[in-house]
N, C-alpha and C. Protein backbone atom coordinates (compact mmCIF):
# COMPACT_ATOMS: atom_id res chain seq x y z
N MET A 1 1.09 -1.24 0.34
CA MET A 1 -0.11 -0.23 0.39
C MET A 1 0.76 1.24 -0.08
N ASN A 2 2.01 1.24 0.92
CA ASN A 2 2.85 2.40 1.17
C ASN A 2 3.63 2.54 -0.46
N ARG A 3 3.72 1.61 -1.00
CA ARG A 3 4.64 1.44 -2.23
C ARG A 3 3.89 2.61 -2.91
N SER A 4 2.82 1.82 -3.19
CA SER A 4 1.64 2.28 -4.24
C SER A 4 1.34 3.57 -4.06
N VAL A 5 1.19 4.24 -2.60
CA VAL A 5 0.97 5.27 -2.95
C VAL A 5 2.18 6.49 -3.17
N LEU A 6 3.54 6.31 -2.62
CA LEU A 6 4.62 6.59 -2.72
C LEU A 6 4.86 6.94 -4.79
N LEU A 7 4.56 5.77 -5.40
CA LEU A 7 4.16 5.96 -6.40
C LEU A 7 3.75 6.89 -7.21
N GLY A 8 2.44 6.73 -6.47
CA GLY A 8 1.41 7.81 -7.59
C GLY A 8 1.99 8.67 -7.23
N LEU A 9 2.59 9.63 -6.10
CA LEU A 9 2.70 11.04 -5.67
C LEU A 9 3.93 11.42 -6.36
N PHE A 10 4.76 10.17 -6.84
CA PHE A 10 6.34 10.46 -7.69
C PHE A 10 5.45 10.98 -9.18
N VAL A 11 5.03 9.79 -9.56
CA VAL A 11 4.16 10.13 -10.69
C VAL A 11 3.34 11.25 -10.67
N THR A 12 2.67 11.96 -10.09
CA THR A 12 1.68 13.10 -10.01
C THR A 12 2.68 14.17 -10.31
N ALA A 13 3.95 14.20 -9.04
CA ALA A 13 5.07 15.33 -8.82
C ALA A 13 5.43 15.50 -10.30
N SER A 14 5.74 14.09 -10.82
CA SER A 14 6.75 14.29 -11.96
C SER A 14 6.12 14.94 -12.97
N VAL A 15 4.77 14.23 -13.69
CA VAL A 15 3.46 15.23 -14.75
C VAL A 15 3.28 16.42 -14.44
N LEU A 16 3.17 16.72 -12.94
CA LEU A 16 2.30 17.95 -12.55
C LEU A 16 3.34 19.41 -13.25
N ALA A 17 5.20 18.59 -12.23
CA ALA A 17 6.13 20.11 -12.42
C ALA A 17 6.52 20.01 -13.57
N ALA A 18 7.08 19.24 -14.17
CA ALA A 18 7.57 18.80 -15.63
C ALA A 18 7.15 20.23 -16.80
N PRO A 19 6.12 20.33 -17.11
CA PRO A 19 5.52 21.14 -17.88
C PRO A 19 6.06 22.45 -17.41
N SER A 20 6.90 22.79 -16.13
CA SER A 20 6.56 24.27 -15.78
C SER A 20 7.63 25.04 -16.05
N PHE A 21 8.28 23.54 -15.91
CA PHE A 21 9.96 24.16 -15.83
C PHE A 21 11.37 23.82 -17.18
N ALA A 22 9.89 22.39 -17.69
CA ALA A 22 11.38 21.74 -18.86
C ALA A 22 11.15 22.31 -20.39
N SER A 23 11.98 22.31 -21.62
CA SER A 23 11.64 22.12 -22.62
C SER A 23 11.10 20.73 -23.11
N PRO A 24 10.52 20.63 -23.84
CA PRO A 24 9.78 19.46 -24.46
C PRO A 24 10.83 18.70 -24.57
N LYS A 25 12.46 18.71 -25.02
CA LYS A 25 13.25 17.61 -25.47
C LYS A 25 13.77 17.16 -23.51
N ASP A 26 14.01 18.28 -22.90
CA ASP A 26 14.41 17.81 -21.35
C ASP A 26 13.00 16.84 -20.39
N GLN A 27 11.96 17.48 -20.93
CA GLN A 27 10.90 16.73 -20.43
C GLN A 27 10.50 15.55 -21.11
N CYS A 28 10.34 15.04 -21.93
CA CYS A 28 10.35 13.79 -22.32
C CYS A 28 11.93 12.90 -21.54
N GLN A 29 13.25 13.57 -20.90
CA GLN A 29 13.93 13.04 -20.71
C GLN A 29 13.06 12.53 -19.37
N VAL A 30 12.92 13.94 -18.82
CA VAL A 30 12.47 13.21 -17.20
C VAL A 30 11.45 12.26 -17.17
N ASN A 31 10.49 12.55 -17.82
CA ASN A 31 9.80 11.77 -18.22
C ASN A 31 10.00 10.52 -18.57
N LEU A 32 10.75 10.06 -19.20
CA LEU A 32 11.46 8.69 -19.61
C LEU A 32 11.99 8.39 -18.38
N GLN A 33 12.95 9.53 -17.71
CA GLN A 33 13.88 8.46 -16.23
C GLN A 33 12.71 8.21 -15.36
N THR A 34 11.08 8.93 -15.20
CA THR A 34 10.47 8.41 -14.37
C THR A 34 9.85 7.29 -14.68
N LEU A 35 9.71 6.88 -15.99
CA LEU A 35 8.85 5.69 -15.62
C LEU A 35 9.95 4.86 -15.90
N SER A 36 11.39 4.57 -15.99
CA SER A 36 12.16 3.92 -15.38
C SER A 36 12.43 3.75 -13.87
N ASN A 37 12.40 5.06 -12.95
CA ASN A 37 12.15 4.51 -11.79
C ASN A 37 11.37 3.74 -11.38
N ALA A 38 9.91 3.75 -11.85
CA ALA A 38 8.27 3.37 -12.13
C ALA A 38 8.61 1.69 -11.97
N ARG A 39 9.35 1.11 -12.93
CA ARG A 39 9.09 0.23 -13.74
C ARG A 39 9.46 -0.86 -12.96
N ALA A 40 10.03 -0.66 -11.63
CA ALA A 40 10.11 -1.64 -10.61
C ALA A 40 9.41 -2.02 -9.88
N GLN A 41 8.60 -1.26 -9.56
CA GLN A 41 7.12 -1.25 -8.91
C GLN A 41 6.16 -1.55 -9.43
N LEU A 42 6.43 -2.45 -10.99
CA LEU A 42 5.01 -2.37 -10.81
C LEU A 42 4.72 -3.98 -11.68
N GLY A 43 3.69 -4.44 -11.86
CA GLY A 43 3.34 -5.95 -12.40
C GLY A 43 4.20 -5.82 -13.64
N SER A 44 3.86 -7.62 -13.94
CA SER A 44 4.66 -7.76 -15.12
C SER A 44 3.69 -7.51 -16.15
N SER A 45 2.85 -7.62 -16.17
CA SER A 45 2.13 -7.35 -17.43
C SER A 45 1.90 -5.10 -17.73
N GLN A 46 2.03 -4.88 -16.61
CA GLN A 46 2.44 -3.03 -16.26
C GLN A 46 3.68 -3.00 -17.12
N GLN A 47 4.87 -3.84 -16.95
CA GLN A 47 6.25 -3.93 -17.20
C GLN A 47 5.77 -3.94 -18.95
N ALA A 48 5.28 -5.08 -19.36
CA ALA A 48 5.78 -5.06 -20.80
C ALA A 48 4.85 -4.40 -21.66
N ASN A 49 3.34 -2.93 -20.86
CA ASN A 49 3.55 -1.86 -21.51
C ASN A 49 3.96 -1.10 -21.54
N LEU A 50 4.30 -0.66 -20.13
CA LEU A 50 5.45 0.15 -20.12
C LEU A 50 6.87 0.24 -21.01
N ASP A 51 7.47 -1.01 -20.82
CA ASP A 51 8.46 -0.86 -21.91
C ASP A 51 8.02 -0.64 -23.72
N THR A 52 6.93 -1.61 -23.96
CA THR A 52 6.21 -1.01 -25.44
C THR A 52 6.48 0.82 -25.66
N SER A 53 5.75 1.46 -24.48
CA SER A 53 5.33 3.08 -24.55
C SER A 53 7.01 3.55 -24.94
N VAL A 54 7.81 3.15 -23.89
CA VAL A 54 9.64 3.61 -23.69
C VAL A 54 9.95 2.91 -24.83
N GLN A 55 9.68 2.22 -25.64
CA GLN A 55 10.71 1.89 -27.01
C GLN A 55 9.58 2.95 -27.78
N GLN A 56 8.52 3.39 -28.13
CA GLN A 56 7.96 3.95 -29.30
C GLN A 56 8.31 5.57 -28.89
N ALA A 57 8.69 5.84 -27.13
CA ALA A 57 9.07 7.69 -26.63
C ALA A 57 10.65 7.74 -27.49
N LYS A 58 11.64 6.38 -27.15
CA LYS A 58 12.95 6.64 -27.45
C LYS A 58 12.47 6.56 -29.34
N ALA A 59 11.65 5.56 -30.20
CA ALA A 59 11.87 5.69 -31.29
C ALA A 59 11.58 7.11 -31.91
N ALA A 60 10.20 7.77 -31.15
CA ALA A 60 9.64 9.36 -31.51
C ALA A 60 11.02 10.11 -31.24
N GLU A 61 11.62 10.51 -30.29
CA GLU A 61 12.69 10.63 -29.81
C GLU A 61 14.32 10.97 -31.19
N ALA A 62 14.09 9.96 -31.28
CA ALA A 62 15.48 9.41 -31.89
C ALA A 62 15.29 10.16 -33.93
N GLN A 63 13.71 10.55 -33.70
CA GLN A 63 14.12 11.36 -34.90
C GLN A 63 14.60 13.00 -35.12
N LYS A 64 14.77 13.27 -33.78
CA LYS A 64 15.63 14.66 -33.30
C LYS A 64 15.14 15.72 -34.56
N THR A 65 13.26 15.41 -34.09
CA THR A 65 12.54 16.98 -34.89
C THR A 65 11.51 17.23 -33.53
N GLU A 66 10.77 18.34 -33.95
CA GLU A 66 10.10 18.67 -32.88
C GLU A 66 9.40 17.79 -32.67
N LYS A 67 8.88 17.18 -33.93
CA LYS A 67 7.51 16.45 -34.10
C LYS A 67 7.33 15.02 -33.26
N GLY A 68 9.17 15.11 -33.60
CA GLY A 68 9.56 13.97 -33.07
C GLY A 68 9.47 13.66 -31.32
N THR A 69 9.70 14.69 -30.97
CA THR A 69 9.87 14.98 -29.64
C THR A 69 8.77 15.49 -28.48
N ASP A 70 7.52 16.23 -29.46
CA ASP A 70 6.60 16.17 -28.70
C ASP A 70 5.73 14.88 -28.93
N ASP A 71 5.82 13.95 -29.73
CA ASP A 71 5.69 12.54 -30.07
C ASP A 71 6.13 11.89 -28.91
N CYS A 72 7.52 12.10 -28.21
CA CYS A 72 8.12 11.59 -27.33
C CYS A 72 7.09 11.76 -25.56
N VAL A 73 6.95 13.39 -25.70
CA VAL A 73 6.40 13.53 -24.66
C VAL A 73 5.09 13.11 -24.01
N ALA A 74 3.93 12.95 -25.49
CA ALA A 74 2.85 12.46 -25.25
C ALA A 74 2.81 11.17 -25.22
N ILE A 75 3.38 10.60 -25.74
CA ILE A 75 3.67 8.99 -25.67
C ILE A 75 4.27 8.97 -23.74
N THR A 76 5.26 9.75 -23.35
CA THR A 76 5.53 9.29 -21.76
C THR A 76 4.25 9.83 -20.76
N ASP A 77 3.99 10.98 -21.16
CA ASP A 77 2.56 11.78 -20.67
C ASP A 77 1.78 10.43 -20.01
N ARG A 78 1.13 10.30 -21.58
CA ARG A 78 -0.07 9.04 -21.68
C ARG A 78 0.46 7.87 -20.28
N ALA A 79 1.86 7.62 -20.74
CA ALA A 79 2.41 6.17 -19.49
C ALA A 79 2.03 6.69 -18.53
N LEU A 80 2.92 7.78 -17.98
CA LEU A 80 2.31 8.24 -16.55
C LEU A 80 1.66 8.02 -16.54
N LEU A 81 0.24 8.44 -17.18
CA LEU A 81 -0.71 8.81 -16.36
C LEU A 81 -1.28 7.66 -16.84
N GLU A 82 -1.08 6.32 -16.88
CA GLU A 82 -1.91 4.73 -16.57
C GLU A 82 -1.14 4.49 -15.66
N ILE A 83 -0.16 4.60 -15.34
CA ILE A 83 0.75 4.32 -14.13
C ILE A 83 -0.44 5.03 -12.74
N GLN A 84 -0.69 6.29 -13.05
CA GLN A 84 -1.10 6.59 -12.01
C GLN A 84 -2.54 6.04 -11.69
N ASN A 85 -3.23 6.08 -12.86
CA ASN A 85 -4.36 5.58 -12.85
C ASN A 85 -4.61 3.97 -12.16
N SER A 86 -3.63 3.45 -12.45
CA SER A 86 -3.84 2.26 -12.28
C SER A 86 -3.26 1.69 -10.82
N GLN A 87 -2.95 2.83 -10.23
CA GLN A 87 -2.21 3.10 -8.87
C GLN A 87 -3.76 3.12 -7.64
N LYS A 88 -4.54 4.08 -8.77
CA LYS A 88 -5.58 4.53 -7.68
C LYS A 88 -6.49 3.15 -7.93
N GLY A 89 -6.61 2.66 -9.22
CA GLY A 89 -7.86 1.78 -8.65
C GLY A 89 -7.16 0.02 -8.10
N GLY A 90 -5.95 0.52 -7.97
CA GLY A 90 -5.20 -1.41 -6.93
C GLY A 90 -5.22 -0.75 -6.11
């Protein structure tokens, strides 16, 4: 229970704080690091979904375009929200 609450708070803080101070490229990196940190606390099916999202985000970021960076941020934001929502339900 405590791990779920702490993970939820950490994810929420990352999602809310990142847009206020980070450029999109930095936000992508921050989100990827947050996802990496959260991975160990997830179940195996959630880890598989997370791995897919991380791969998609890194592929988008590798395009080295503004659209790629925006896509990376969108993918990682969505993954963070899915983790947050799964913690609320579980």
